[in-house]
Structure formats: C-alpha cells, structure tokens
Amino acid sequence: IHFSGLKRGKQVILSTSCFPGEGKTTVSANLAVVLAQAGSRVLLVGCDLRKPTLHKMFGQHEGVGLTELLAGDAQSAETIFQTEVPGLDFVGGGAIPPNPAELLGSEQMSSFIDGAKERYDHIILDAPPFLAVTDSMLLSRMVNMVLVVMEAGRVPAKVLRHLQESLQSCEAAVSGVVLNDKSGKAAAYYGGYGYGQYGYGYGYSYGADAYVAAEKNWLQKLITRFRGKK
C-alpha cells in the first residue's frame, strides 16, 4: 500500500471483493487498526448500506450512520464513533435505504470524503462486492486506491476475467489483491449469491449474524491485545 501509493496517493482506500463473504470487512478492520497503531488518524466507513454490520464488529448498537448522513438527516459529528484503538474512528452504515447506489454515488458522499480528508490521514471504505452491485464501482471514482480481497480457491477464472474487465472499464486504481485463506465462514455472511445464466445475484441470509459474531470476537481480541500493551 505504501509503495503503490507513492505517485497516486493512499489517503482514501476502497476495500472490495468478487463475492460476498471473502473476508473483506475483516481485512478492512485489520488494516484500519494497523494504520492507527502506526500513529495515523484513520476513519473506517461501512459502505455496505444493504447489510450494515460494521457497528456490530465494534460492539456498538445500530444507530445513525452513513445513510442518515447522506440523506441529510444527521450531521457528520453525529455519525462518527470512536473505537478503543487510539486514532481509529468509524462510521456505520445506518438504516437500510431503498436507494444505496444513488446515495453512495452522490455529491454528498463525495463531499463527506473531502471533509474527512482534512481530519484523517487514511479513510478506508468497506464496500460491497464489486460484481454484485454498482455501489463499489461508483465509489471507486472517489478513492486513491482499490484493494481486492479474494478467498483462495473460491473465485472461478471466468469471474476473475469479468472483475478485471469491470475494474478496467471504470479505470479503478487497483493497488493489489489480498489473497485470503479462510474456510467455513464464506457462506454465512450473505446468501443467495451466484454466477449463472442470467449473471450475478445478491441476497442475504439469516446466517449473517453468526459470521458477524465471529468477526466481532476476532476484533475484540485484537483490541484487547492492544490495550494490554499500553
């Protein structure tokens, strides 16, 4: 990330994936914690407005978030929460809107990012899978670099080619791929997703709670370990 951002910058980073459940949110949270531990001011933003879960990972109740901010129902200060890691703040998704792509591709979203640039060294956008919906494609035009998280052994070659074409079509600044080796959790985050005759589908399952609980425990262990070193 450091060296790939020497010429184009690395202040705003978008994290995405091919499929749901490849560990994208875990990588986003881990990266945010590491950057904060290195002394940077970091803002982690949950941009999955269709199934917001970032607040659960940080042990917060669902409240106002990015949806309310972009809809004009809340101010920036009302949506930004401090974590137990010094220097790391986060914005949850908030309420599920009927028009996620429209909100994320709006001037309000661009203005929010521009304002955050003045306060934070790094802004990490945890976005939905790139091929599932248009949300990440719209957000990719507002960032300095894109990280693609990929679960080892899960993504077919046909899907990878489609992803490459999609990233090139919107001129996304891809900095690299995180090859994530994980098992047993992939199907729990989202359900009803597949690549078939009619393209991609994007749905949700009640198994998401089990996945979020596992990721929340992981993050809490990391934070506890960090607090023990203070």
Protein backbone atom coordinates (compact mmCIF):
# COMPACT_ATOMS: atom_id res chain seq x y z
CA ILE A 1 0.00 0.00 0.00
CA HIS A 2 2.80 2.37 0.91
CA PHE A 3 4.85 1.94 -2.25
CA SER A 4 1.90 1.70 -4.65
CA GLY A 5 0.63 5.00 -3.28
CA LEU A 6 3.81 6.99 -3.82
CA LYS A 7 2.58 8.50 -7.08
CA ARG A 8 -1.22 8.48 -6.79
CA GLY A 9 -1.67 8.85 -3.02
CA LYS A 10 -3.07 6.45 -0.45
CA GLN A 11 -5.33 8.59 1.69
CA VAL A 12 -8.64 7.09 0.54
CA ILE A 13 -8.68 3.29 0.17
CA LEU A 14 -11.57 1.17 -1.09
CA SER A 15 -11.77 -2.46 0.01
CA THR A 16 -13.92 -4.77 -2.12
CA SER A 17 -14.13 -8.36 -3.35
CA CYS A 18 -15.64 -10.57 -6.05
CA PHE A 19 -18.07 -12.46 -3.85
CA PRO A 20 -19.69 -11.72 -0.51
CA GLY A 21 -18.05 -13.38 2.49
CA GLU A 22 -14.44 -13.41 1.29
CA GLY A 23 -13.20 -11.60 4.41
CA LYS A 24 -13.30 -8.07 3.02
CA THR A 25 -14.64 -6.45 6.19
CA THR A 26 -12.10 -8.31 8.33
CA VAL A 27 -9.25 -7.08 6.14
CA SER A 28 -10.64 -3.53 6.21
CA ALA A 29 -10.89 -3.51 10.01
CA ASN A 30 -7.45 -5.08 10.43
CA LEU A 31 -5.87 -2.56 8.06
CA ALA A 32 -7.55 0.30 9.91
CA VAL A 33 -6.26 -0.96 13.29
CA VAL A 34 -2.71 -1.40 11.98
CA LEU A 35 -2.61 2.07 10.41
CA ALA A 36 -3.91 3.59 13.65
CA GLN A 37 -1.31 1.71 15.69
CA ALA A 38 1.33 3.17 13.39
CA GLY A 39 0.28 6.65 14.52
CA SER A 40 -2.13 7.67 11.77
CA ARG A 41 -5.59 9.13 12.18
CA VAL A 42 -7.91 6.63 10.50
CA LEU A 43 -11.59 6.67 9.59
CA LEU A 44 -13.22 3.34 8.70
CA VAL A 45 -16.51 3.73 6.83
CA GLY A 46 -19.09 0.97 6.42
CA CYS A 47 -20.33 1.46 2.87
CA ASP A 48 -22.44 -1.69 2.66
CA LEU A 49 -25.78 0.03 3.10
CA ARG A 50 -27.67 -3.12 2.08
CA LYS A 51 -26.49 -5.16 5.08
CA PRO A 52 -24.71 -2.89 7.58
CA THR A 53 -22.59 -4.88 10.05
CA LEU A 54 -19.56 -2.74 10.89
CA HIS A 55 -21.13 -1.36 14.08
CA LYS A 56 -21.52 -4.93 15.42
CA MET A 57 -17.82 -5.63 14.91
CA PHE A 58 -17.02 -2.71 17.21
CA GLY A 59 -19.61 -3.66 19.79
CA GLN A 60 -21.91 -0.74 19.00
CA HIS A 61 -25.69 -0.68 18.72
CA GLU A 62 -27.19 0.17 15.37
CA GLY A 63 -27.70 3.92 15.20
CA VAL A 64 -27.31 6.82 12.85
CA GLY A 65 -24.72 6.20 10.18
CA LEU A 66 -23.77 6.84 6.59
CA THR A 67 -27.35 6.56 5.30
CA GLU A 68 -28.60 9.29 7.60
CA LEU A 69 -25.59 11.47 6.80
CA LEU A 70 -26.02 11.21 3.03
CA ALA A 71 -29.79 11.67 3.27
CA GLY A 72 -29.30 14.90 5.23
CA ASP A 73 -30.88 13.53 8.41
CA ALA A 74 -27.70 13.75 10.52
CA GLN A 75 -24.51 15.77 10.73
CA SER A 76 -21.05 14.28 10.32
CA ALA A 77 -20.28 14.58 14.04
CA GLU A 78 -23.37 12.50 14.90
CA THR A 79 -22.27 9.56 12.78
CA ILE A 80 -18.57 9.25 13.68
CA PHE A 81 -17.80 6.99 16.64
CA GLN A 82 -14.50 6.49 18.45
CA THR A 83 -13.14 2.99 18.94
CA GLU A 84 -10.97 1.68 21.76
CA VAL A 85 -7.97 1.90 19.45
CA PRO A 86 -6.49 5.40 19.72
CA GLY A 87 -6.68 7.24 16.41
CA LEU A 88 -9.34 4.96 14.88
CA ASP A 89 -12.89 6.20 14.29
CA PHE A 90 -15.65 4.54 12.31
CA VAL A 91 -18.94 5.32 10.62
CA GLY A 92 -21.52 2.55 10.46
CA GLY A 93 -23.98 2.02 7.64
CA GLY A 94 -27.07 3.19 9.49
CA ALA A 95 -30.58 2.41 8.30
CA ILE A 96 -31.05 0.37 5.12
CA PRO A 97 -32.16 2.78 2.38
CA PRO A 98 -34.19 1.96 -0.75
CA ASN A 99 -31.52 3.53 -2.97
CA PRO A 100 -27.99 2.59 -1.75
CA ALA A 101 -26.24 3.14 -5.08
CA GLU A 102 -27.80 6.55 -5.53
CA LEU A 103 -26.65 7.66 -2.08
CA LEU A 104 -23.10 6.30 -2.44
CA GLY A 105 -22.64 7.89 -5.86
CA SER A 106 -23.99 11.25 -4.75
CA GLU A 107 -22.33 14.63 -4.32
CA GLN A 108 -23.00 14.27 -0.59
CA MET A 109 -20.75 11.19 -0.46
CA SER A 110 -18.02 12.99 -2.36
CA SER A 111 -18.30 15.98 -0.03
CA PHE A 112 -18.16 13.71 3.03
CA ILE A 113 -14.92 12.13 1.80
CA ASP A 114 -13.42 15.54 1.01
CA GLY A 115 -14.24 16.75 4.51
CA ALA A 116 -12.77 13.60 6.09
CA LYS A 117 -9.52 14.15 4.18
CA GLU A 118 -8.92 17.28 6.24
CA ARG A 119 -9.19 15.37 9.54
CA TYR A 120 -7.77 11.92 8.80
CA ASP A 121 -4.58 10.53 7.32
CA HIS A 122 -6.40 7.48 5.94
CA ILE A 123 -10.04 6.83 5.05
CA ILE A 124 -10.94 3.18 4.43
CA LEU A 125 -14.22 2.42 2.67
CA ASP A 126 -15.50 -1.09 3.37
CA ALA A 127 -17.64 -1.55 0.24
CA PRO A 128 -19.90 -4.33 -1.13
CA PRO A 129 -18.58 -6.91 -3.61
CA PHE A 130 -17.64 -5.24 -6.88
CA LEU A 131 -19.56 -7.57 -9.19
CA ALA A 132 -22.71 -7.91 -7.08
CA VAL A 133 -23.97 -4.33 -7.25
CA THR A 134 -22.82 -1.00 -8.72
CA ASP A 135 -22.01 0.56 -5.31
CA SER A 136 -18.27 -0.17 -5.36
CA MET A 137 -17.92 0.92 -8.98
CA LEU A 138 -19.38 4.32 -8.09
CA LEU A 139 -17.16 4.64 -5.01
CA SER A 140 -14.02 3.66 -6.94
CA ARG A 141 -14.10 7.05 -8.68
CA MET A 142 -13.69 8.85 -5.35
CA VAL A 143 -10.67 6.97 -3.96
CA ASN A 144 -6.90 6.84 -4.41
CA MET A 145 -6.58 3.07 -4.47
CA VAL A 146 -8.63 -0.11 -4.57
CA LEU A 147 -7.79 -3.32 -2.69
CA VAL A 148 -9.45 -6.52 -3.88
CA VAL A 149 -9.85 -9.21 -1.23
CA MET A 150 -10.06 -12.71 -2.71
CA GLU A 151 -10.66 -16.01 -0.95
CA ALA A 152 -8.19 -18.66 -2.06
CA GLY A 153 -9.69 -21.40 -4.19
CA ARG A 154 -13.15 -19.89 -4.37
CA VAL A 155 -13.23 -17.49 -7.35
CA PRO A 156 -13.55 -19.10 -10.82
CA ALA A 157 -11.36 -17.86 -13.67
CA LYS A 158 -14.44 -16.61 -15.56
CA VAL A 159 -15.38 -14.38 -12.64
CA LEU A 160 -11.83 -13.05 -12.35
CA ARG A 161 -11.86 -12.04 -16.01
CA HIS A 162 -15.20 -10.33 -15.52
CA LEU A 163 -13.83 -8.49 -12.47
CA GLN A 164 -10.76 -7.38 -14.39
CA GLU A 165 -12.90 -6.03 -17.22
CA SER A 166 -15.20 -4.22 -14.79
CA LEU A 167 -12.29 -2.62 -12.93
CA GLN A 168 -10.70 -1.50 -16.18
CA SER A 169 -13.96 -0.11 -17.54
CA CYS A 170 -14.26 2.32 -14.63
CA GLU A 171 -10.48 2.97 -14.51
CA ALA A 172 -10.26 1.83 -10.89
CA ALA A 173 -6.84 2.39 -9.32
CA VAL A 174 -6.22 -1.19 -8.21
CA SER A 175 -3.16 -1.46 -5.97
CA GLY A 176 -3.21 -5.20 -5.45
CA VAL A 177 -5.06 -8.30 -4.36
CA VAL A 178 -5.22 -9.67 -0.82
CA LEU A 179 -5.32 -13.47 -1.09
CA ASN A 180 -7.31 -14.51 1.94
CA ASP A 181 -7.22 -18.13 3.13
CA LYS A 182 -10.35 -18.74 5.15
CA SER A 183 -12.83 -21.60 5.40
CA GLY A 184 -16.21 -22.33 6.87
CA LYS A 185 -17.38 -18.71 7.01
CA ALA A 186 -17.87 -17.77 3.38
CA ALA A 187 -21.50 -18.81 3.08
CA ALA A 188 -22.57 -17.25 6.36
CA TYR A 189 -22.24 -13.56 5.52
CA TYR A 190 -24.52 -13.32 2.50
CA GLY A 191 -26.83 -15.87 0.94
CA GLY A 192 -28.30 -16.43 -2.49
CA TYR A 193 -25.28 -15.25 -4.42
CA GLY A 194 -24.09 -16.98 -7.54
CA TYR A 195 -22.97 -16.69 -11.13
CA GLY A 196 -25.34 -18.33 -13.55
CA GLN A 197 -27.05 -17.97 -16.89
CA TYR A 198 -28.51 -14.60 -16.03
CA GLY A 199 -25.47 -13.09 -14.35
CA TYR A 200 -24.92 -12.27 -10.70
CA GLY A 201 -27.36 -12.29 -7.85
CA TYR A 202 -27.08 -10.56 -4.50
CA GLY A 203 -29.13 -11.60 -1.49
CA TYR A 204 -28.91 -12.03 2.25
CA SER A 205 -29.39 -14.86 4.73
CA TYR A 206 -30.04 -15.04 8.44
CA GLY A 207 -26.68 -16.80 8.77
CA ALA A 208 -25.08 -13.36 8.66
CA ASP A 209 -25.39 -12.98 12.43
CA ALA A 210 -23.13 -15.99 13.05
CA TYR A 211 -20.49 -14.56 10.74
CA VAL A 212 -20.64 -11.11 12.32
CA ALA A 213 -20.37 -12.64 15.81
CA ALA A 214 -17.21 -14.50 14.80
CA GLU A 215 -15.65 -11.39 13.26
CA LYS A 216 -16.65 -9.27 16.25
CA ASN A 217 -14.88 -11.71 18.61
CA TRP A 218 -11.78 -11.56 16.41
CA LEU A 219 -11.70 -7.77 16.50
CA GLN A 220 -12.32 -7.61 20.25
CA LYS A 221 -9.41 -9.97 20.84
CA LEU A 222 -7.19 -7.73 18.73
CA ILE A 223 -8.29 -4.61 20.61
CA THR A 224 -7.84 -6.35 23.99
CA ARG A 225 -4.32 -7.39 23.00
CA PHE A 226 -3.54 -3.82 22.00
CA ARG A 227 -4.90 -2.40 25.26
CA GLY A 228 -2.77 -4.83 27.23
CA LYS A 229 0.37 -3.35 25.69
CA LYS A 230 -0.40 0.21 26.76
